[in-house]
Amino acid sequence: MQVRIHPSWRAVLQTEFDQPYFAELAAFVRQEYRTARCYPPARLLFNAFEQCPFDEVRAVILGQDPYHGPGQAEGLCFSVPDGMPHPPSLQNIFKEIESEYGTPVPVSGSLLRWAKQGVLLLNATLTVREGRAGSHQGRGWERFTDAVIKAISDHRDGIVFLLWGSYAGSKAALINADRHCILRSAHPSPLSAYRGFFGSHHFQLANDYLQKHGKRLIQW
């Protein structure tokens, strides 16, 4: 697996790439992509980092796994390419934004426009086998993405972390709450959205925090 990642990220993550665990992870991913259908397409594996350089991060949204259906995953958590139906969690994300800002639900499910504004759309596990959710968990991706979260916490200031669901919420332990804003709620999936995601006002709260710290607002 050739690591094609934005130079700004390579500067802070090179020590991870040099670790034995990452070599083992890379070998596993190469084998999986050779022998099975996996997502996202290999060229988009580090898309979240390509679209949102380290020095431009203003907010982080953490997902767990890439979508495992054909044509859905594009290397940005919760996002699907133009023309794809909106998955249930994404539908609920758009509903919450509509309730907060009154903006209509967009036709496109691609969140690339968020990434271009400094929202790191990070999945904890960056690859998956088709039709097998969680199939690449526990192979080293989580160690790598934990290092990503910690690097942002340690080397940046005034970042908003949106942590939805218990898994994402557990990553709050990696973040310095004195230097950053941590927003936690239920997950936007249909199973839990009504238990605290709807009505969380996370998108407004994120912008309130950014404004307070003299940063550009995000056009959700």
C-alpha atoms as a PDB file:
ATOM      1  CA  MET A   1       0.000   0.000   0.000  1.00  0.00           C
ATOM      2  CA  GLN A   2       1.586   3.223  -1.153  1.00  0.00           C
ATOM      3  CA  VAL A   3       0.748   5.991   1.294  1.00  0.00           C
ATOM      4  CA  ARG A   4      -0.258   8.970  -0.829  1.00  0.00           C
ATOM      5  CA  ILE A   5      -1.118  11.629   1.698  1.00  0.00           C
ATOM      6  CA  HIS A   6      -0.974  15.409   1.783  1.00  0.00           C
ATOM      7  CA  PRO A   7       2.531  16.629   2.755  1.00  0.00           C
ATOM      8  CA  SER A   8       1.130  18.562   5.725  1.00  0.00           C
ATOM      9  CA  TRP A   9      -0.134  15.299   7.216  1.00  0.00           C
ATOM     10  CA  ARG A  10       3.000  13.347   6.402  1.00  0.00           C
ATOM     11  CA  ALA A  11       4.993  15.821   8.478  1.00  0.00           C
ATOM     12  CA  VAL A  12       3.004  15.002  11.642  1.00  0.00           C
ATOM     13  CA  LEU A  13       2.302  11.303  10.968  1.00  0.00           C
ATOM     14  CA  GLN A  14       5.624  10.029   9.604  1.00  0.00           C
ATOM     15  CA  THR A  15       6.459   8.395  12.940  1.00  0.00           C
ATOM     16  CA  GLU A  16       3.281   6.292  12.546  1.00  0.00           C
ATOM     17  CA  PHE A  17       4.193   5.257   9.006  1.00  0.00           C
ATOM     18  CA  ASP A  18       7.587   4.137  10.314  1.00  0.00           C
ATOM     19  CA  GLN A  19       6.110   1.867  13.010  1.00  0.00           C
ATOM     20  CA  PRO A  20       6.065  -1.939  12.541  1.00  0.00           C
ATOM     21  CA  TYR A  21       2.284  -2.034  13.090  1.00  0.00           C
ATOM     22  CA  PHE A  22       1.736   0.201  10.071  1.00  0.00           C
ATOM     23  CA  ALA A  23       3.846  -2.058   7.852  1.00  0.00           C
ATOM     24  CA  GLU A  24       1.694  -5.007   8.976  1.00  0.00           C
ATOM     25  CA  LEU A  25      -1.473  -3.000   8.347  1.00  0.00           C
ATOM     26  CA  ALA A  26      -0.284  -2.000   4.885  1.00  0.00           C
ATOM     27  CA  ALA A  27       0.480  -5.626   4.003  1.00  0.00           C
ATOM     28  CA  PHE A  28      -2.986  -6.679   5.175  1.00  0.00           C
ATOM     29  CA  VAL A  29      -4.710  -3.945   3.171  1.00  0.00           C
ATOM     30  CA  ARG A  30      -2.728  -4.756   0.009  1.00  0.00           C
ATOM     31  CA  GLN A  31      -3.696  -8.426   0.300  1.00  0.00           C
ATOM     32  CA  GLU A  32      -7.362  -7.582   0.907  1.00  0.00           C
ATOM     33  CA  TYR A  33      -7.557  -5.298  -2.124  1.00  0.00           C
ATOM     34  CA  ARG A  34      -5.875  -7.955  -4.270  1.00  0.00           C
ATOM     35  CA  THR A  35      -8.155 -10.797  -3.212  1.00  0.00           C
ATOM     36  CA  ALA A  36     -11.521  -9.190  -2.393  1.00  0.00           C
ATOM     37  CA  ARG A  37     -13.612  -6.180  -3.314  1.00  0.00           C
ATOM     38  CA  CYS A  38     -12.878  -3.467  -0.795  1.00  0.00           C
ATOM     39  CA  TYR A  39     -13.887   0.136  -0.256  1.00  0.00           C
ATOM     40  CA  PRO A  40     -13.171   2.945  -0.720  1.00  0.00           C
ATOM     41  CA  PRO A  41     -11.343   2.697  -4.049  1.00  0.00           C
ATOM     42  CA  ALA A  42      -7.624   2.551  -3.282  1.00  0.00           C
ATOM     43  CA  ARG A  43      -7.016   6.001  -4.774  1.00  0.00           C
ATOM     44  CA  LEU A  44      -9.447   7.500  -2.221  1.00  0.00           C
ATOM     45  CA  LEU A  45      -8.148   5.704   0.847  1.00  0.00           C
ATOM     46  CA  PHE A  46      -6.579   8.874   2.302  1.00  0.00           C
ATOM     47  CA  ASN A  47      -9.070  11.252   0.678  1.00  0.00           C
ATOM     48  CA  ALA A  48     -10.038  12.877   3.986  1.00  0.00           C
ATOM     49  CA  PHE A  49      -6.424  13.997   4.416  1.00  0.00           C
ATOM     50  CA  GLU A  50      -6.008  15.085   0.803  1.00  0.00           C
ATOM     51  CA  GLN A  51      -9.089  17.285   0.915  1.00  0.00           C
ATOM     52  CA  CYS A  52      -8.383  18.800   4.334  1.00  0.00           C
ATOM     53  CA  PRO A  53      -4.707  19.617   4.994  1.00  0.00           C
ATOM     54  CA  PHE A  54      -3.509  19.512   8.586  1.00  0.00           C
ATOM     55  CA  ASP A  55      -3.083  23.274   8.950  1.00  0.00           C
ATOM     56  CA  GLU A  56      -6.584  23.926   7.604  1.00  0.00           C
ATOM     57  CA  VAL A  57      -8.534  21.655   9.974  1.00  0.00           C
ATOM     58  CA  ARG A  58     -11.223  23.563  11.876  1.00  0.00           C
ATOM     59  CA  ALA A  59     -13.507  20.690  12.824  1.00  0.00           C
ATOM     60  CA  VAL A  60     -13.327  16.900  13.017  1.00  0.00           C
ATOM     61  CA  ILE A  61     -16.230  14.490  12.519  1.00  0.00           C
ATOM     62  CA  LEU A  62     -15.468  10.894  13.414  1.00  0.00           C
ATOM     63  CA  GLY A  63     -17.145   7.899  11.829  1.00  0.00           C
ATOM     64  CA  GLN A  64     -16.365   4.245  12.418  1.00  0.00           C
ATOM     65  CA  ASP A  65     -16.262   2.302   9.122  1.00  0.00           C
ATOM     66  CA  PRO A  66     -16.464   3.208   5.434  1.00  0.00           C
ATOM     67  CA  TYR A  67     -19.714   2.333   3.685  1.00  0.00           C
ATOM     68  CA  HIS A  68     -19.480  -1.248   2.426  1.00  0.00           C
ATOM     69  CA  GLY A  69     -21.911  -1.046  -0.501  1.00  0.00           C
ATOM     70  CA  PRO A  70     -20.914  -0.550  -4.158  1.00  0.00           C
ATOM     71  CA  GLY A  71     -20.142   3.026  -5.118  1.00  0.00           C
ATOM     72  CA  GLN A  72     -20.831   4.545  -1.697  1.00  0.00           C
ATOM     73  CA  ALA A  73     -17.484   5.087   0.038  1.00  0.00           C
ATOM     74  CA  GLU A  74     -15.333   8.008  -1.054  1.00  0.00           C
ATOM     75  CA  GLY A  75     -12.888   8.216   1.840  1.00  0.00           C
ATOM     76  CA  LEU A  76     -14.925  10.805   3.773  1.00  0.00           C
ATOM     77  CA  CYS A  77     -17.003   9.640   6.743  1.00  0.00           C
ATOM     78  CA  PHE A  78     -20.797   9.779   6.254  1.00  0.00           C
ATOM     79  CA  SER A  79     -20.312  11.084   2.690  1.00  0.00           C
ATOM     80  CA  VAL A  80     -21.433   9.446  -0.566  1.00  0.00           C
ATOM     81  CA  PRO A  81     -20.640  10.555  -4.133  1.00  0.00           C
ATOM     82  CA  ASP A  82     -22.962  12.713  -6.188  1.00  0.00           C
ATOM     83  CA  GLY A  83     -25.918  10.737  -7.472  1.00  0.00           C
ATOM     84  CA  MET A  84     -25.921   8.126  -4.709  1.00  0.00           C
ATOM     85  CA  PRO A  85     -28.975   7.849  -2.430  1.00  0.00           C
ATOM     86  CA  HIS A  86     -28.418   9.309   1.028  1.00  0.00           C
ATOM     87  CA  PRO A  87     -27.780   6.567   3.624  1.00  0.00           C
ATOM     88  CA  PRO A  88     -29.996   6.780   6.742  1.00  0.00           C
ATOM     89  CA  SER A  89     -27.413   8.417   9.029  1.00  0.00           C
ATOM     90  CA  LEU A  90     -26.631  11.044   6.412  1.00  0.00           C
ATOM     91  CA  GLN A  91     -30.338  11.729   5.969  1.00  0.00           C
ATOM     92  CA  ASN A  92     -30.556  12.437   9.698  1.00  0.00           C
ATOM     93  CA  ILE A  93     -27.483  14.669   9.624  1.00  0.00           C
ATOM     94  CA  PHE A  94     -29.129  16.750   6.913  1.00  0.00           C
ATOM     95  CA  LYS A  95     -32.405  16.813   8.873  1.00  0.00           C
ATOM     96  CA  GLU A  96     -30.625  18.217  11.923  1.00  0.00           C
ATOM     97  CA  ILE A  97     -28.933  20.902   9.828  1.00  0.00           C
ATOM     98  CA  GLU A  98     -32.296  21.763   8.288  1.00  0.00           C
ATOM     99  CA  SER A  99     -33.837  22.125  11.754  1.00  0.00           C
ATOM    100  CA  GLU A 100     -30.967  24.327  12.960  1.00  0.00           C
ATOM    101  CA  TYR A 101     -30.552  26.594   9.949  1.00  0.00           C
ATOM    102  CA  GLY A 102     -33.689  26.132   7.867  1.00  0.00           C
ATOM    103  CA  THR A 103     -31.609  25.120   4.865  1.00  0.00           C
ATOM    104  CA  PRO A 104     -33.183  22.520   2.569  1.00  0.00           C
ATOM    105  CA  VAL A 105     -31.712  19.023   2.384  1.00  0.00           C
ATOM    106  CA  PRO A 106     -29.139  19.046  -0.443  1.00  0.00           C
ATOM    107  CA  VAL A 107     -29.548  16.873  -3.512  1.00  0.00           C
ATOM    108  CA  SER A 108     -25.972  15.612  -3.306  1.00  0.00           C
ATOM    109  CA  GLY A 109     -24.831  13.430  -0.428  1.00  0.00           C
ATOM    110  CA  SER A 110     -21.195  14.357  -0.969  1.00  0.00           C
ATOM    111  CA  LEU A 111     -19.632  16.176   1.967  1.00  0.00           C
ATOM    112  CA  LEU A 112     -16.607  17.204  -0.064  1.00  0.00           C
ATOM    113  CA  ARG A 113     -17.709  20.824   0.359  1.00  0.00           C
ATOM    114  CA  TRP A 114     -17.295  20.405   4.138  1.00  0.00           C
ATOM    115  CA  ALA A 115     -13.820  18.914   3.728  1.00  0.00           C
ATOM    116  CA  LYS A 116     -12.821  21.860   1.546  1.00  0.00           C
ATOM    117  CA  GLN A 117     -13.861  24.172   4.392  1.00  0.00           C
ATOM    118  CA  GLY A 118     -11.622  22.458   6.936  1.00  0.00           C
ATOM    119  CA  VAL A 119     -13.807  19.633   8.243  1.00  0.00           C
ATOM    120  CA  LEU A 120     -11.770  16.441   8.620  1.00  0.00           C
ATOM    121  CA  LEU A 121     -14.216  13.627   7.854  1.00  0.00           C
ATOM    122  CA  LEU A 122     -12.338  10.785   9.505  1.00  0.00           C
ATOM    123  CA  ASN A 123     -13.355   7.159   9.792  1.00  0.00           C
ATOM    124  CA  ALA A 124     -11.668   5.239  12.617  1.00  0.00           C
ATOM    125  CA  THR A 125     -11.123   2.361  10.163  1.00  0.00           C
ATOM    126  CA  LEU A 126     -10.221   3.510   6.658  1.00  0.00           C
ATOM    127  CA  THR A 127     -11.038   0.362   4.661  1.00  0.00           C
ATOM    128  CA  VAL A 128     -13.658  -2.401   4.577  1.00  0.00           C
ATOM    129  CA  ARG A 129     -14.621  -5.483   2.570  1.00  0.00           C
ATOM    130  CA  GLU A 130     -17.729  -5.233   0.438  1.00  0.00           C
ATOM    131  CA  GLY A 131     -20.816  -6.253   2.387  1.00  0.00           C
ATOM    132  CA  ARG A 132     -18.918  -6.902   5.601  1.00  0.00           C
ATOM    133  CA  ALA A 133     -19.139  -4.022   8.050  1.00  0.00           C
ATOM    134  CA  GLY A 134     -16.261  -3.988  10.522  1.00  0.00           C
ATOM    135  CA  SER A 135     -14.222  -6.489   8.531  1.00  0.00           C
ATOM    136  CA  HIS A 136     -11.025  -4.413   8.735  1.00  0.00           C
ATOM    137  CA  GLN A 137     -11.358  -3.391  12.357  1.00  0.00           C
ATOM    138  CA  GLY A 138      -8.657  -4.428  14.811  1.00  0.00           C
ATOM    139  CA  ARG A 139      -5.925  -4.519  12.162  1.00  0.00           C
ATOM    140  CA  GLY A 140      -4.175  -1.281  13.055  1.00  0.00           C
ATOM    141  CA  TRP A 141      -6.305   1.438  11.526  1.00  0.00           C
ATOM    142  CA  GLU A 142      -7.642   2.473  14.917  1.00  0.00           C
ATOM    143  CA  ARG A 143      -4.127   2.978  16.267  1.00  0.00           C
ATOM    144  CA  PHE A 144      -3.342   5.155  13.265  1.00  0.00           C
ATOM    145  CA  THR A 145      -6.489   7.268  13.448  1.00  0.00           C
ATOM    146  CA  ASP A 146      -6.101   7.658  17.211  1.00  0.00           C
ATOM    147  CA  ALA A 147      -2.681   9.147  16.413  1.00  0.00           C
ATOM    148  CA  VAL A 148      -4.363  11.505  13.945  1.00  0.00           C
ATOM    149  CA  ILE A 149      -6.788  12.729  16.598  1.00  0.00           C
ATOM    150  CA  LYS A 150      -3.996  13.154  19.151  1.00  0.00           C
ATOM    151  CA  ALA A 151      -1.807  15.028  16.650  1.00  0.00           C
ATOM    152  CA  ILE A 152      -4.606  17.532  16.043  1.00  0.00           C
ATOM    153  CA  SER A 153      -5.206  17.873  19.778  1.00  0.00           C
ATOM    154  CA  ASP A 154      -1.516  18.370  20.554  1.00  0.00           C
ATOM    155  CA  HIS A 155      -0.450  20.611  17.676  1.00  0.00           C
ATOM    156  CA  ARG A 156      -3.499  22.716  16.890  1.00  0.00           C
ATOM    157  CA  ASP A 157      -5.749  24.987  18.960  1.00  0.00           C
ATOM    158  CA  GLY A 158      -9.462  25.768  18.904  1.00  0.00           C
ATOM    159  CA  ILE A 159     -10.656  22.750  16.909  1.00  0.00           C
ATOM    160  CA  VAL A 160     -14.236  21.458  17.188  1.00  0.00           C
ATOM    161  CA  PHE A 161     -14.556  17.682  17.585  1.00  0.00           C
ATOM    162  CA  LEU A 162     -18.033  16.307  16.811  1.00  0.00           C
ATOM    163  CA  LEU A 163     -18.288  12.871  18.409  1.00  0.00           C
ATOM    164  CA  TRP A 164     -21.538  11.043  17.683  1.00  0.00           C
ATOM    165  CA  GLY A 165     -22.317   7.747  19.366  1.00  0.00           C
ATOM    166  CA  SER A 166     -20.511   5.832  22.094  1.00  0.00           C
ATOM    167  CA  TYR A 167     -17.610   4.714  19.907  1.00  0.00           C
ATOM    168  CA  ALA A 168     -16.755   8.205  18.703  1.00  0.00           C
ATOM    169  CA  GLY A 169     -17.395   9.546  22.190  1.00  0.00           C
ATOM    170  CA  SER A 170     -14.722   7.257  23.599  1.00  0.00           C
ATOM    171  CA  LYS A 171     -12.139   9.202  21.597  1.00  0.00           C
ATOM    172  CA  ALA A 172     -12.690  12.263  23.794  1.00  0.00           C
ATOM    173  CA  ALA A 173      -9.980  10.805  26.031  1.00  0.00           C
ATOM    174  CA  LEU A 174      -7.434  11.622  23.301  1.00  0.00           C
ATOM    175  CA  ILE A 175      -8.409  15.308  23.118  1.00  0.00           C
ATOM    176  CA  ASN A 176      -7.280  18.174  25.336  1.00  0.00           C
ATOM    177  CA  ALA A 177     -10.591  19.710  26.374  1.00  0.00           C
ATOM    178  CA  ASP A 178      -8.830  22.884  27.578  1.00  0.00           C
ATOM    179  CA  ARG A 179      -7.617  23.647  24.052  1.00  0.00           C
ATOM    180  CA  HIS A 180     -10.533  22.374  21.976  1.00  0.00           C
ATOM    181  CA  CYS A 181     -14.323  22.072  21.850  1.00  0.00           C
ATOM    182  CA  ILE A 182     -15.736  18.551  22.247  1.00  0.00           C
ATOM    183  CA  LEU A 183     -19.369  18.061  21.207  1.00  0.00           C
ATOM    184  CA  ARG A 184     -20.879  14.658  22.050  1.00  0.00           C
ATOM    185  CA  SER A 185     -24.301  13.217  21.282  1.00  0.00           C
ATOM    186  CA  ALA A 186     -26.077  10.067  20.211  1.00  0.00           C
ATOM    187  CA  HIS A 187     -25.257   8.686  16.786  1.00  0.00           C
ATOM    188  CA  PRO A 188     -27.340   9.958  13.825  1.00  0.00           C
ATOM    189  CA  SER A 189     -28.376   6.437  12.823  1.00  0.00           C
ATOM    190  CA  PRO A 190     -32.143   5.750  12.851  1.00  0.00           C
ATOM    191  CA  LEU A 191     -31.626   3.515  15.899  1.00  0.00           C
ATOM    192  CA  SER A 192     -30.368   6.355  18.082  1.00  0.00           C
ATOM    193  CA  ALA A 193     -30.923   9.747  16.434  1.00  0.00           C
ATOM    194  CA  TYR A 194     -33.978  10.446  18.583  1.00  0.00           C
ATOM    195  CA  ARG A 195     -31.980   9.770  21.748  1.00  0.00           C
ATOM    196  CA  GLY A 196     -30.009  12.996  21.557  1.00  0.00           C
ATOM    197  CA  PHE A 197     -28.682  13.633  18.060  1.00  0.00           C
ATOM    198  CA  PHE A 198     -31.803  15.449  16.929  1.00  0.00           C
ATOM    199  CA  GLY A 199     -31.911  18.724  18.805  1.00  0.00           C
ATOM    200  CA  SER A 200     -28.222  18.636  19.716  1.00  0.00           C
ATOM    201  CA  HIS A 201     -27.577  21.859  17.760  1.00  0.00           C
ATOM    202  CA  HIS A 202     -24.049  20.651  17.128  1.00  0.00           C
ATOM    203  CA  PHE A 203     -23.693  22.518  13.851  1.00  0.00           C
ATOM    204  CA  GLN A 204     -24.661  25.838  15.392  1.00  0.00           C
ATOM    205  CA  LEU A 205     -22.556  25.162  18.492  1.00  0.00           C
ATOM    206  CA  ALA A 206     -19.557  24.391  16.298  1.00  0.00           C
ATOM    207  CA  ASN A 207     -19.907  27.684  14.482  1.00  0.00           C
ATOM    208  CA  ASP A 208     -20.481  29.571  17.728  1.00  0.00           C
ATOM    209  CA  TYR A 209     -17.181  28.214  19.016  1.00  0.00           C
ATOM    210  CA  LEU A 210     -15.327  29.003  15.785  1.00  0.00           C
ATOM    211  CA  GLN A 211     -16.700  32.529  15.760  1.00  0.00           C
ATOM    212  CA  LYS A 212     -15.668  33.046  19.375  1.00  0.00           C
ATOM    213  CA  HIS A 213     -12.133  32.022  18.443  1.00  0.00           C
ATOM    214  CA  GLY A 214     -11.957  34.281  15.393  1.00  0.00           C
ATOM    215  CA  LYS A 215     -12.227  31.502  12.808  1.00  0.00           C
ATOM    216  CA  ARG A 216     -14.293  31.321   9.647  1.00  0.00           C
ATOM    217  CA  LEU A 217     -17.703  29.732  10.036  1.00  0.00           C
ATOM    218  CA  ILE A 218     -18.532  26.481   8.258  1.00  0.00           C
ATOM    219  CA  GLN A 219     -21.305  26.570   5.709  1.00  0.00           C
ATOM    220  CA  TRP A 220     -23.064  23.366   6.662  1.00  0.00           C
END
